Amino acid sequence: MNPFQSLSRPHTRIKLCGLTRMEDVRLAGELGVDAIGLVFAPQSPRRLDIPVARRLREAAPASLAVVALVMDQPIDEVRKIIDFVRPDVLQFHGSEDDMACRHFGMPFLKAIPMRGVEAGQVPAMLAGYPSAEGFVFDAHAPGAPGGTGERFDWDLLTRRIVGRPWLLAGGLTPSSVGDAVRRLQPWGVDVSSGIERVTGIKDAARTRDFVEAVRAADRERPPAVSSGADETYSPAENEQFPREHDEQS
């Protein structure tokens, strides 16, 4: 299956990150979101040990892409996560360069820290990761974990990102995500603290409200039209998260 299929109508992918409980994984599957994130970053309060993460991964339906979030961890530690948890995608959240990220031979997303960044710096930051399947723009500072609930200046992303998918993260909530989708038209949105009751514990009602807000915003967007006039990335493309065993044409 080609994971990069076009849709007749724009579709914003939804990634629920920092899941720690079986019931949250089940709810993600019930709601039909696109991906869940399991956090292994040492500094994160949502960090999972491998046995727990493996149980959560095994509970995930086939429709969910499972993303393992790591941050400046030793190669053997990341390899152990891959071997025992078997994520579909890696997400690198630290200072890893492109070579370190592609070392594992898996599709990966690179988190881009947006705190203190100026608009003119963004293209060079992305150019440093030619092997990335896509990017996660978050509000954290370099070297800090995400999931803070803070928001960065969205005006930094008003120009469309060329060539690859990107997810908006940082400060998204059920009340703010609809505006974000309508305004920025990202390929996807990534939420953690915005749907939590307390740190690491997702709230089912807030999760449902978040998903519905994204889908309501999508329904307001017109059908995608591919003109072929330029190579600018269209948010209507790339329907699914990349998966390790997918064959791309």
Protein backbone atom coordinates (compact mmCIF):
# COMPACT_ATOMS: atom_id res chain seq x y z
CA MET A 1 0.00 0.00 0.00
CA ASN A 2 1.25 3.46 -0.85
CA PRO A 3 1.03 5.56 2.33
CA PHE A 4 1.03 8.76 0.30
CA GLN A 5 -2.36 8.75 -1.36
CA SER A 6 -4.35 11.79 -2.44
CA LEU A 7 -7.75 12.62 -1.05
CA SER A 8 -10.63 14.37 -2.81
CA ARG A 9 -11.06 16.57 0.28
CA PRO A 10 -8.35 17.83 2.67
CA HIS A 11 -7.88 15.66 5.72
CA THR A 12 -5.87 16.76 8.74
CA ARG A 13 -4.08 13.83 10.36
CA ILE A 14 -4.41 13.57 14.13
CA LYS A 15 -1.66 12.27 16.40
CA LEU A 16 -2.36 11.79 20.10
CA CYS A 17 0.97 11.87 21.91
CA GLY A 18 2.13 10.87 25.35
CA LEU A 19 -0.35 8.03 25.87
CA THR A 20 0.30 6.01 29.01
CA ARG A 21 -2.85 3.91 29.54
CA MET A 22 -4.58 1.11 27.69
CA GLU A 23 -7.93 2.89 27.71
CA ASP A 24 -6.41 5.88 25.91
CA VAL A 25 -5.07 3.63 23.16
CA ARG A 26 -8.47 2.00 22.79
CA LEU A 27 -10.15 5.42 22.58
CA ALA A 28 -7.70 6.53 19.90
CA GLY A 29 -8.66 3.50 17.84
CA GLU A 30 -12.36 4.07 18.46
CA LEU A 31 -12.10 7.70 17.31
CA GLY A 32 -10.19 6.72 14.17
CA VAL A 33 -7.23 9.01 14.67
CA ASP A 34 -4.16 8.46 12.55
CA ALA A 35 -1.37 7.92 15.07
CA ILE A 36 -0.42 7.66 18.71
CA GLY A 37 2.86 8.70 20.27
CA LEU A 38 4.68 6.68 22.92
CA VAL A 39 7.30 8.74 24.73
CA PHE A 40 10.72 7.40 25.71
CA ALA A 41 12.55 10.72 26.20
CA PRO A 42 14.35 10.61 29.56
CA GLN A 43 13.25 14.11 30.62
CA SER A 44 9.57 13.59 29.90
CA PRO A 45 7.04 12.99 32.70
CA ARG A 46 5.19 10.78 30.19
CA ARG A 47 8.15 8.47 29.66
CA LEU A 48 7.26 4.79 29.37
CA ASP A 49 9.33 1.77 30.23
CA ILE A 50 9.56 -0.82 27.49
CA PRO A 51 7.22 -3.48 28.97
CA VAL A 52 4.41 -0.94 29.38
CA ALA A 53 5.03 0.51 25.93
CA ARG A 54 4.96 -2.94 24.40
CA ARG A 55 1.56 -3.68 25.93
CA LEU A 56 0.20 -0.38 24.63
CA ARG A 57 1.61 -1.09 21.19
CA GLU A 58 0.03 -4.54 21.13
CA ALA A 59 -3.33 -2.99 22.01
CA ALA A 60 -3.19 -0.54 19.11
CA PRO A 61 -5.37 -1.51 16.13
CA ALA A 62 -3.73 -1.88 12.74
CA SER A 63 -5.29 1.41 11.66
CA LEU A 64 -3.10 3.35 14.11
CA ALA A 65 0.48 4.27 13.29
CA VAL A 66 2.59 3.98 16.43
CA VAL A 67 5.26 6.65 16.82
CA ALA A 68 8.14 6.25 19.29
CA LEU A 69 9.46 9.58 20.56
CA VAL A 70 13.13 9.58 21.57
CA MET A 71 15.53 12.35 22.49
CA ASP A 72 19.32 12.20 22.31
CA GLN A 73 19.41 8.60 23.49
CA PRO A 74 22.19 6.05 22.85
CA ILE A 75 21.92 3.94 19.71
CA ASP A 76 21.55 0.70 21.67
CA GLU A 77 18.70 2.17 23.70
CA VAL A 78 16.80 3.25 20.59
CA ARG A 79 17.48 -0.12 19.00
CA LYS A 80 15.99 -1.87 22.04
CA ILE A 81 12.84 0.27 21.72
CA ILE A 82 12.58 -0.68 18.05
CA ASP A 83 13.15 -4.39 18.68
CA PHE A 84 10.71 -4.76 21.58
CA VAL A 85 8.02 -2.15 20.86
CA ARG A 86 8.14 -2.28 17.03
CA PRO A 87 6.95 1.26 16.30
CA ASP A 88 5.99 2.26 12.77
CA VAL A 89 7.75 5.61 12.93
CA LEU A 90 10.48 7.21 15.04
CA GLN A 91 10.26 10.83 16.19
CA PHE A 92 13.51 12.51 17.18
CA HIS A 93 13.06 15.33 19.62
CA GLY A 94 16.62 16.33 20.45
CA SER A 95 19.78 17.52 18.76
CA GLU A 96 20.15 14.41 16.56
CA ASP A 97 21.43 15.19 13.08
CA ASP A 98 20.11 13.64 9.89
CA MET A 99 22.69 10.85 9.92
CA ALA A 100 21.77 9.82 13.47
CA CYS A 101 18.06 9.85 12.64
CA ARG A 102 18.37 7.72 9.51
CA HIS A 103 20.78 5.28 11.16
CA PHE A 104 17.93 2.91 12.09
CA GLY A 105 16.55 2.59 8.57
CA MET A 106 13.04 3.56 9.63
CA PRO A 107 10.70 6.38 8.62
CA PHE A 108 11.21 9.29 11.00
CA LEU A 109 9.81 12.66 11.93
CA LYS A 110 12.04 15.42 13.29
CA ALA A 111 10.73 17.78 15.93
CA ILE A 112 11.65 21.41 15.26
CA PRO A 113 11.91 23.62 18.37
CA MET A 114 10.24 26.93 17.56
CA ARG A 115 10.84 28.97 20.69
CA GLY A 116 13.00 31.96 19.81
CA VAL A 117 13.04 31.10 16.10
CA GLU A 118 12.67 33.77 13.43
CA ALA A 119 10.85 33.14 10.17
CA GLY A 120 14.00 33.32 8.07
CA GLN A 121 15.60 30.49 10.04
CA VAL A 122 12.97 27.86 9.30
CA PRO A 123 14.08 26.79 5.78
CA ALA A 124 17.65 26.15 6.90
CA MET A 125 16.44 24.12 9.90
CA LEU A 126 14.42 21.87 7.60
CA ALA A 127 17.18 21.58 5.02
CA GLY A 128 19.36 19.91 7.64
CA TYR A 129 17.09 16.83 7.58
CA PRO A 130 16.80 15.66 3.96
CA SER A 131 15.93 12.10 5.07
CA ALA A 132 12.98 13.06 7.29
CA GLU A 133 9.51 11.95 6.23
CA GLY A 134 8.20 15.10 7.87
CA PHE A 135 8.45 17.54 10.76
CA VAL A 136 6.73 18.35 14.03
CA PHE A 137 6.78 22.07 14.84
CA ASP A 138 6.59 22.45 18.62
CA ALA A 139 6.89 25.32 21.10
CA HIS A 140 9.77 23.92 23.13
CA ALA A 141 13.25 25.42 23.22
CA PRO A 142 16.20 23.43 21.83
CA GLY A 143 17.17 20.69 24.29
CA ALA A 144 13.85 20.79 26.14
CA PRO A 145 11.08 18.17 25.97
CA GLY A 146 7.75 19.01 24.39
CA GLY A 147 4.31 18.53 25.90
CA THR A 148 4.47 21.84 27.76
CA GLY A 149 1.12 23.14 26.54
CA GLU A 150 2.76 26.32 25.30
CA ARG A 151 2.10 27.85 21.91
CA PHE A 152 4.58 29.45 19.52
CA ASP A 153 4.02 32.21 16.97
CA TRP A 154 1.97 30.57 14.22
CA ASP A 155 2.87 33.42 11.87
CA LEU A 156 6.24 31.69 11.46
CA LEU A 157 4.42 29.03 9.44
CA THR A 158 2.22 31.17 7.26
CA ARG A 159 4.26 30.22 4.20
CA ARG A 160 3.53 26.70 3.02
CA ILE A 161 6.16 24.09 3.76
CA VAL A 162 7.59 22.69 0.53
CA GLY A 163 7.90 18.99 -0.19
CA ARG A 164 7.12 17.14 3.02
CA PRO A 165 4.34 16.67 5.58
CA TRP A 166 4.37 18.67 8.80
CA LEU A 167 2.47 18.52 12.06
CA LEU A 168 1.57 21.46 14.26
CA ALA A 169 2.11 20.96 18.00
CA GLY A 170 2.32 23.13 21.07
CA GLY A 171 -0.60 24.63 22.96
CA LEU A 172 -3.32 22.95 20.93
CA THR A 173 -6.61 22.36 22.75
CA PRO A 174 -10.16 21.48 21.72
CA SER A 175 -10.94 25.19 21.65
CA SER A 176 -7.90 26.29 19.62
CA VAL A 177 -7.24 23.48 17.16
CA GLY A 178 -10.09 24.34 14.79
CA ASP A 179 -8.70 27.82 14.24
CA ALA A 180 -5.22 26.34 13.72
CA VAL A 181 -6.47 23.94 11.04
CA ARG A 182 -8.44 26.62 9.20
CA ARG A 183 -5.62 29.15 9.37
CA LEU A 184 -2.53 27.04 8.69
CA GLN A 185 -3.93 23.95 6.94
CA PRO A 186 -1.23 21.67 8.36
CA TRP A 187 -0.77 18.09 7.19
CA GLY A 188 -1.44 17.06 10.76
CA VAL A 189 -1.86 18.15 14.37
CA ASP A 190 -0.10 16.65 17.37
CA VAL A 191 -1.56 17.01 20.86
CA SER A 192 -0.53 15.89 24.32
CA SER A 193 -1.18 18.18 27.30
CA GLY A 194 -4.16 19.80 25.57
CA ILE A 195 -6.28 16.69 26.09
CA GLU A 196 -5.04 15.74 29.56
CA ARG A 197 -6.76 15.73 32.94
CA VAL A 198 -3.37 15.72 34.66
CA THR A 199 0.06 15.12 33.19
CA GLY A 200 0.13 11.77 31.41
CA ILE A 201 -3.57 11.03 31.93
CA LYS A 202 -5.75 11.78 28.93
CA ASP A 203 -9.31 12.99 29.42
CA ALA A 204 -11.78 11.11 27.21
CA ALA A 205 -14.20 14.03 26.79
CA ARG A 206 -11.44 16.47 25.86
CA THR A 207 -9.98 13.92 23.44
CA ARG A 208 -13.34 13.48 21.72
CA ASP A 209 -13.84 17.25 21.56
CA PHE A 210 -10.38 17.72 20.06
CA VAL A 211 -10.96 15.16 17.31
CA GLU A 212 -14.38 16.58 16.48
CA ALA A 213 -12.95 20.13 16.32
CA VAL A 214 -10.36 19.02 13.76
CA ARG A 215 -12.94 17.23 11.66
CA ALA A 216 -15.36 20.14 11.83
CA ALA A 217 -12.63 22.46 10.53
CA ASP A 218 -11.86 19.98 7.76
CA ARG A 219 -15.49 19.95 6.68
CA GLU A 220 -15.32 23.72 6.16
CA ARG A 221 -12.40 23.45 3.76
CA PRO A 222 -13.04 23.20 0.01
CA PRO A 223 -12.06 20.11 -2.01
CA ALA A 224 -8.40 20.03 -3.00
CA VAL A 225 -7.51 20.96 -6.54
CA SER A 226 -4.17 19.83 -7.93
CA SER A 227 -3.04 22.22 -10.62
CA GLY A 228 0.43 20.80 -11.08
CA ALA A 229 1.62 24.38 -11.30
CA ASP A 230 4.29 24.07 -8.61
CA GLU A 231 5.87 21.61 -6.22
CA THR A 232 4.44 23.13 -3.05
CA TYR A 233 3.23 20.49 -0.64
CA SER A 234 -0.54 20.16 -0.56
CA PRO A 235 -2.19 19.22 2.76
CA ALA A 236 -4.63 17.07 0.82
CA GLU A 237 -1.85 14.63 -0.09
CA ASN A 238 -0.16 11.94 1.98
CA GLU A 239 -3.23 10.44 3.57
CA GLN A 240 -1.53 8.17 6.08
CA PHE A 241 1.44 8.21 8.36
CA PRO A 242 4.42 6.45 6.82
CA ARG A 243 4.96 2.92 8.07
CA GLU A 244 8.13 0.86 8.12
CA HIS A 245 6.84 -1.91 5.87
CA ASP A 246 4.79 0.16 3.41
CA GLU A 247 5.82 0.06 -0.22
CA GLN A 248 5.87 3.43 -1.87
CA SER A 249 5.47 3.88 -5.59
